Amino acid sequence: MKNKNGILIIEVLIGVVILSILVTSVIYGLEQTFKAFRKSNRVTKATYLAEGLLFQEIANPNSVEDNGVFGESFNSYAWEIKREIAPINSDFIKATVIIRDKRSDEFYARISSFTQETETTE
């Protein structure tokens, strides 16, 4: 009888160890999934915000400030616009919008486009 009880305790302990490993793995997998979801959500929002700024810059060159923070709904996103003369044709300006997290400086999005430099008449 002692032998059978001893084997039963060992079997239960092995089962508990295996179950705890499985539960830990599932919890870790869920945590990683939620982190990836939150990151992709932030990147998607940042891309839309960057597109909006870039379209505004293309429609009215140099009308957008060089950097700033978005309004109330997106106040954790900071942006920066870099302008440079296009390497192939000096009549064009390359505008690049960069979106970062204001608090952690984590990079979220970068998009670029070319716009033709406008002549100013005085």
N, C-alpha and C. Protein backbone atom coordinates (compact mmCIF):
# COMPACT_ATOMS: atom_id res chain seq x y z
N MET A 1 0.82 -1.19 0.00
CA MET A 1 0.00 0.00 0.00
C MET A 1 0.86 1.26 0.00
N LYS A 2 1.94 1.31 0.75
CA LYS A 2 2.78 2.50 0.80
C LYS A 2 3.35 2.83 -0.58
N ASN A 3 3.67 1.81 -1.31
CA ASN A 3 4.23 1.99 -2.63
C ASN A 3 3.25 2.70 -3.57
N LYS A 4 2.02 2.27 -3.54
CA LYS A 4 1.02 2.88 -4.42
C LYS A 4 0.76 4.33 -4.05
N ASN A 5 0.71 4.66 -2.77
CA ASN A 5 0.51 6.04 -2.35
C ASN A 5 1.69 6.92 -2.76
N GLY A 6 2.88 6.39 -2.65
CA GLY A 6 4.07 7.13 -3.05
C GLY A 6 4.07 7.44 -4.53
N ILE A 7 3.68 6.50 -5.33
CA ILE A 7 3.62 6.71 -6.78
C ILE A 7 2.54 7.74 -7.10
N LEU A 8 1.43 7.69 -6.42
CA LEU A 8 0.35 8.65 -6.65
C LEU A 8 0.80 10.07 -6.35
N ILE A 9 1.53 10.30 -5.28
CA ILE A 9 2.02 11.63 -4.93
C ILE A 9 2.99 12.13 -5.98
N ILE A 10 3.89 11.27 -6.45
CA ILE A 10 4.84 11.66 -7.49
C ILE A 10 4.10 12.01 -8.79
N GLU A 11 3.10 11.22 -9.13
CA GLU A 11 2.32 11.50 -10.35
C GLU A 11 1.61 12.85 -10.23
N VAL A 12 1.04 13.14 -9.08
CA VAL A 12 0.36 14.42 -8.87
C VAL A 12 1.36 15.58 -8.97
N LEU A 13 2.52 15.41 -8.35
CA LEU A 13 3.54 16.47 -8.41
C LEU A 13 4.01 16.72 -9.84
N ILE A 14 4.23 15.68 -10.59
CA ILE A 14 4.63 15.83 -12.00
C ILE A 14 3.52 16.52 -12.79
N GLY A 15 2.29 16.13 -12.54
CA GLY A 15 1.15 16.78 -13.22
C GLY A 15 1.06 18.26 -12.90
N VAL A 16 1.28 18.62 -11.64
CA VAL A 16 1.24 20.04 -11.23
C VAL A 16 2.36 20.82 -11.90
N VAL A 17 3.54 20.24 -11.98
CA VAL A 17 4.67 20.91 -12.62
C VAL A 17 4.38 21.14 -14.11
N ILE A 18 3.90 20.10 -14.78
CA ILE A 18 3.57 20.23 -16.21
C ILE A 18 2.48 21.27 -16.42
N LEU A 19 1.45 21.24 -15.59
CA LEU A 19 0.36 22.20 -15.70
C LEU A 19 0.85 23.63 -15.46
N SER A 20 1.71 23.82 -14.47
CA SER A 20 2.23 25.17 -14.20
C SER A 20 3.09 25.67 -15.36
N ILE A 21 3.85 24.80 -15.99
CA ILE A 21 4.65 25.20 -17.16
C ILE A 21 3.72 25.61 -18.31
N LEU A 22 2.67 24.85 -18.53
CA LEU A 22 1.72 25.18 -19.60
C LEU A 22 1.01 26.51 -19.33
N VAL A 23 0.55 26.70 -18.11
CA VAL A 23 -0.15 27.95 -17.77
C VAL A 23 0.79 29.14 -17.90
N THR A 24 2.02 29.01 -17.46
CA THR A 24 3.00 30.08 -17.58
C THR A 24 3.26 30.42 -19.05
N SER A 25 3.37 29.40 -19.88
CA SER A 25 3.60 29.62 -21.32
C SER A 25 2.42 30.35 -21.96
N VAL A 26 1.21 29.96 -21.62
CA VAL A 26 0.02 30.61 -22.18
C VAL A 26 -0.05 32.06 -21.73
N ILE A 27 0.21 32.33 -20.47
CA ILE A 27 0.18 33.71 -19.97
C ILE A 27 1.23 34.56 -20.66
N TYR A 28 2.44 34.02 -20.82
CA TYR A 28 3.51 34.75 -21.52
C TYR A 28 3.12 35.03 -22.97
N GLY A 29 2.54 34.04 -23.63
CA GLY A 29 2.09 34.23 -25.02
C GLY A 29 1.02 35.31 -25.13
N LEU A 30 0.08 35.32 -24.21
CA LEU A 30 -0.96 36.36 -24.22
C LEU A 30 -0.37 37.74 -23.97
N GLU A 31 0.58 37.83 -23.06
CA GLU A 31 1.23 39.11 -22.77
C GLU A 31 1.94 39.65 -24.01
N GLN A 32 2.66 38.78 -24.71
CA GLN A 32 3.36 39.20 -25.92
C GLN A 32 2.38 39.62 -27.02
N THR A 33 1.26 38.93 -27.12
CA THR A 33 0.23 39.28 -28.10
C THR A 33 -0.34 40.66 -27.80
N PHE A 34 -0.64 40.95 -26.54
CA PHE A 34 -1.18 42.26 -26.18
C PHE A 34 -0.16 43.37 -26.41
N LYS A 35 1.12 43.11 -26.13
CA LYS A 35 2.16 44.11 -26.40
C LYS A 35 2.24 44.41 -27.89
N ALA A 36 2.20 43.38 -28.71
CA ALA A 36 2.26 43.56 -30.16
C ALA A 36 1.04 44.33 -30.66
N PHE A 37 -0.13 44.03 -30.10
CA PHE A 37 -1.35 44.73 -30.49
C PHE A 37 -1.26 46.22 -30.15
N ARG A 38 -0.80 46.54 -28.93
CA ARG A 38 -0.68 47.94 -28.53
C ARG A 38 0.32 48.68 -29.41
N LYS A 39 1.44 48.04 -29.71
CA LYS A 39 2.47 48.66 -30.56
C LYS A 39 1.92 48.90 -31.96
N SER A 40 1.25 47.92 -32.54
CA SER A 40 0.71 48.10 -33.89
C SER A 40 -0.37 49.18 -33.92
N ASN A 41 -1.13 49.29 -32.85
CA ASN A 41 -2.14 50.34 -32.75
C ASN A 41 -1.48 51.73 -32.74
N ARG A 42 -0.40 51.88 -31.97
CA ARG A 42 0.32 53.16 -31.93
C ARG A 42 0.96 53.48 -33.27
N VAL A 43 1.53 52.48 -33.93
CA VAL A 43 2.17 52.71 -35.23
C VAL A 43 1.13 53.10 -36.27
N THR A 44 -0.03 52.47 -36.25
CA THR A 44 -1.09 52.81 -37.19
C THR A 44 -1.56 54.25 -36.99
N LYS A 45 -1.80 54.65 -35.74
CA LYS A 45 -2.21 56.02 -35.45
C LYS A 45 -1.13 57.01 -35.90
N ALA A 46 0.13 56.70 -35.61
CA ALA A 46 1.23 57.58 -35.98
C ALA A 46 1.33 57.72 -37.50
N THR A 47 1.10 56.64 -38.22
CA THR A 47 1.16 56.70 -39.68
C THR A 47 0.07 57.61 -40.24
N TYR A 48 -1.14 57.49 -39.71
CA TYR A 48 -2.23 58.38 -40.15
C TYR A 48 -1.91 59.84 -39.83
N LEU A 49 -1.38 60.09 -38.65
CA LEU A 49 -1.02 61.46 -38.28
C LEU A 49 0.08 62.00 -39.19
N ALA A 50 1.07 61.16 -39.49
CA ALA A 50 2.17 61.58 -40.37
C ALA A 50 1.66 61.88 -41.78
N GLU A 51 0.75 61.05 -42.28
CA GLU A 51 0.18 61.30 -43.60
C GLU A 51 -0.56 62.64 -43.64
N GLY A 52 -1.32 62.92 -42.59
CA GLY A 52 -2.04 64.20 -42.54
C GLY A 52 -1.10 65.39 -42.58
N LEU A 53 -0.02 65.33 -41.81
CA LEU A 53 0.96 66.42 -41.83
C LEU A 53 1.65 66.52 -43.18
N LEU A 54 1.98 65.39 -43.76
CA LEU A 54 2.66 65.40 -45.05
C LEU A 54 1.75 65.96 -46.14
N PHE A 55 0.48 65.60 -46.14
CA PHE A 55 -0.46 66.16 -47.12
C PHE A 55 -0.59 67.66 -46.94
N GLN A 56 -0.62 68.11 -45.70
CA GLN A 56 -0.69 69.55 -45.43
C GLN A 56 0.57 70.25 -45.95
N GLU A 57 1.72 69.64 -45.76
CA GLU A 57 2.98 70.21 -46.22
C GLU A 57 3.04 70.23 -47.75
N ILE A 58 2.53 69.20 -48.40
CA ILE A 58 2.53 69.15 -49.86
C ILE A 58 1.58 70.22 -50.42
N ALA A 59 0.42 70.38 -49.81
CA ALA A 59 -0.56 71.36 -50.29
C ALA A 59 -0.05 72.78 -50.10
N ASN A 60 0.64 73.04 -49.01
CA ASN A 60 1.17 74.37 -48.69
C ASN A 60 2.59 74.23 -48.20
N PRO A 61 3.57 74.18 -49.09
CA PRO A 61 4.96 73.98 -48.64
C PRO A 61 5.39 75.02 -47.60
N ASN A 62 6.11 74.57 -46.61
CA ASN A 62 6.63 75.38 -45.51
C ASN A 62 5.55 76.01 -44.64
N SER A 63 4.32 75.51 -44.73
CA SER A 63 3.24 76.05 -43.89
C SER A 63 3.18 75.37 -42.53
N VAL A 64 3.81 74.22 -42.42
CA VAL A 64 3.80 73.45 -41.17
C VAL A 64 5.09 73.75 -40.41
N GLU A 65 4.96 73.94 -39.11
CA GLU A 65 6.15 74.17 -38.28
C GLU A 65 7.10 72.98 -38.38
N ASP A 66 8.33 73.17 -37.95
CA ASP A 66 9.33 72.11 -38.05
C ASP A 66 9.11 70.98 -37.06
N ASN A 67 8.46 71.25 -35.93
CA ASN A 67 8.19 70.20 -34.95
C ASN A 67 7.05 70.63 -34.04
N GLY A 68 6.53 69.67 -33.30
CA GLY A 68 5.43 69.99 -32.39
C GLY A 68 4.83 68.73 -31.79
N VAL A 69 3.71 68.93 -31.12
CA VAL A 69 2.97 67.85 -30.49
C VAL A 69 1.53 67.96 -30.97
N PHE A 70 0.89 66.82 -31.19
CA PHE A 70 -0.49 66.82 -31.67
C PHE A 70 -1.43 67.25 -30.54
N GLY A 71 -2.67 67.54 -30.91
CA GLY A 71 -3.66 68.04 -29.96
C GLY A 71 -4.04 67.04 -28.88
N GLU A 72 -5.12 67.35 -28.20
CA GLU A 72 -5.56 66.61 -27.02
C GLU A 72 -5.66 65.10 -27.22
N SER A 73 -6.26 64.68 -28.31
CA SER A 73 -6.49 63.25 -28.53
C SER A 73 -5.20 62.46 -28.75
N PHE A 74 -4.18 63.12 -29.26
CA PHE A 74 -2.93 62.43 -29.60
C PHE A 74 -1.74 63.14 -28.97
N ASN A 75 -1.89 63.62 -27.75
CA ASN A 75 -0.84 64.44 -27.14
C ASN A 75 0.42 63.66 -26.75
N SER A 76 0.40 62.35 -26.87
CA SER A 76 1.62 61.58 -26.58
C SER A 76 2.50 61.43 -27.82
N TYR A 77 2.02 61.93 -28.96
CA TYR A 77 2.79 61.83 -30.21
C TYR A 77 3.45 63.18 -30.52
N ALA A 78 4.75 63.14 -30.74
CA ALA A 78 5.49 64.33 -31.15
C ALA A 78 5.90 64.15 -32.62
N TRP A 79 5.97 65.24 -33.35
CA TRP A 79 6.32 65.15 -34.77
C TRP A 79 7.44 66.12 -35.11
N GLU A 80 8.09 65.79 -36.22
CA GLU A 80 9.17 66.62 -36.74
C GLU A 80 9.12 66.52 -38.27
N ILE A 81 9.30 67.66 -38.93
CA ILE A 81 9.37 67.67 -40.40
C ILE A 81 10.77 68.10 -40.81
N LYS A 82 11.38 67.30 -41.67
CA LYS A 82 12.69 67.65 -42.21
C LYS A 82 12.50 67.95 -43.69
N ARG A 83 13.05 69.05 -44.13
CA ARG A 83 12.97 69.44 -45.54
C ARG A 83 14.38 69.52 -46.12
N GLU A 84 14.55 68.97 -47.30
CA GLU A 84 15.85 69.05 -47.96
C GLU A 84 15.64 69.09 -49.48
N ILE A 85 16.60 69.66 -50.16
CA ILE A 85 16.51 69.72 -51.62
C ILE A 85 16.71 68.31 -52.16
N ALA A 86 15.87 67.95 -53.13
CA ALA A 86 15.95 66.61 -53.72
C ALA A 86 17.30 66.42 -54.40
N PRO A 87 17.92 65.27 -54.24
CA PRO A 87 19.26 65.07 -54.78
C PRO A 87 19.31 65.06 -56.31
N ILE A 88 18.25 64.69 -56.98
CA ILE A 88 18.27 64.57 -58.44
C ILE A 88 17.88 65.88 -59.12
N ASN A 89 16.88 66.56 -58.57
CA ASN A 89 16.37 67.78 -59.20
C ASN A 89 16.19 68.84 -58.12
N SER A 90 16.92 69.93 -58.25
CA SER A 90 16.88 70.97 -57.21
C SER A 90 15.59 71.77 -57.20
N ASP A 91 14.70 71.51 -58.16
CA ASP A 91 13.38 72.18 -58.15
C ASP A 91 12.42 71.51 -57.16
N PHE A 92 12.80 70.39 -56.64
CA PHE A 92 11.92 69.65 -55.73
C PHE A 92 12.49 69.63 -54.32
N ILE A 93 11.58 69.61 -53.37
CA ILE A 93 11.93 69.53 -51.96
C ILE A 93 11.42 68.18 -51.44
N LYS A 94 12.28 67.49 -50.70
CA LYS A 94 11.86 66.25 -50.05
C LYS A 94 11.45 66.59 -48.62
N ALA A 95 10.20 66.28 -48.31
CA ALA A 95 9.68 66.52 -46.96
C ALA A 95 9.53 65.16 -46.27
N THR A 96 10.10 65.03 -45.08
CA THR A 96 10.01 63.80 -44.31
C THR A 96 9.37 64.11 -42.97
N VAL A 97 8.32 63.37 -42.64
CA VAL A 97 7.63 63.52 -41.37
C VAL A 97 8.01 62.34 -40.48
N ILE A 98 8.45 62.65 -39.27
CA ILE A 98 8.85 61.63 -38.30
C ILE A 98 7.95 61.76 -37.06
N ILE A 99 7.38 60.66 -36.65
CA ILE A 99 6.51 60.65 -35.47
C ILE A 99 7.17 59.80 -34.39
N ARG A 100 7.23 60.35 -33.18
CA ARG A 100 7.83 59.65 -32.03
C ARG A 100 6.90 59.77 -30.83
N ASP A 101 7.12 58.89 -29.87
CA ASP A 101 6.43 59.00 -28.59
C ASP A 101 7.08 60.14 -27.82
N LYS A 102 6.27 61.07 -27.37
CA LYS A 102 6.78 62.26 -26.69
C LYS A 102 7.51 61.90 -25.40
N ARG A 103 7.03 60.89 -24.69
CA ARG A 103 7.60 60.56 -23.38
C ARG A 103 8.84 59.68 -23.48
N SER A 104 8.78 58.64 -24.30
CA SER A 104 9.89 57.68 -24.35
C SER A 104 10.81 57.89 -25.54
N ASP A 105 10.45 58.78 -26.46
CA ASP A 105 11.20 59.05 -27.69
C ASP A 105 11.26 57.81 -28.59
N GLU A 106 10.32 56.87 -28.39
CA GLU A 106 10.26 55.68 -29.23
C GLU A 106 9.77 56.06 -30.62
N PHE A 107 10.44 55.56 -31.64
CA PHE A 107 10.10 55.86 -33.03
C PHE A 107 8.86 55.09 -33.45
N TYR A 108 7.91 55.77 -34.14
CA TYR A 108 6.70 55.10 -34.60
C TYR A 108 6.55 55.10 -36.11
N ALA A 109 6.79 56.24 -36.77
CA ALA A 109 6.54 56.30 -38.21
C ALA A 109 7.43 57.35 -38.86
N ARG A 110 7.76 57.08 -40.12
CA ARG A 110 8.50 58.04 -40.95
C ARG A 110 8.00 57.88 -42.38
N ILE A 111 7.50 58.97 -42.96
CA ILE A 111 7.10 58.94 -44.36
C ILE A 111 7.65 60.18 -45.05
N SER A 112 7.91 60.04 -46.34
CA SER A 112 8.50 61.13 -47.12
C SER A 112 7.75 61.30 -48.43
N SER A 113 7.86 62.50 -48.96
CA SER A 113 7.30 62.79 -50.28
C SER A 113 8.06 63.98 -50.87
N PHE A 114 7.89 64.16 -52.16
CA PHE A 114 8.53 65.27 -52.84
C PHE A 114 7.47 66.27 -53.26
N THR A 115 7.82 67.52 -53.18
CA THR A 115 6.93 68.58 -53.63
C THR A 115 7.77 69.58 -54.41
N GLN A 116 7.14 70.22 -55.38
CA GLN A 116 7.88 71.18 -56.18
C GLN A 116 7.99 72.50 -55.42
N GLU A 117 9.18 73.05 -55.45
CA GLU A 117 9.40 74.32 -54.78
C GLU A 117 8.62 75.39 -55.52
N THR A 118 7.90 76.22 -54.79
CA THR A 118 7.08 77.25 -55.42
C THR A 118 7.85 78.56 -55.52
N GLU A 119 7.60 79.25 -56.58
CA GLU A 119 8.22 80.56 -56.77
C GLU A 119 7.47 81.58 -55.93
N THR A 120 8.18 82.47 -55.28
CA THR A 120 7.54 83.53 -54.52
C THR A 120 7.63 84.82 -55.31
N THR A 121 6.52 85.48 -55.47
CA THR A 121 6.50 86.75 -56.20
C THR A 121 6.26 87.88 -55.23
N GLU A 122 7.05 88.92 -55.37
CA GLU A 122 6.89 90.06 -54.45
C GLU A 122 6.47 91.28 -55.18
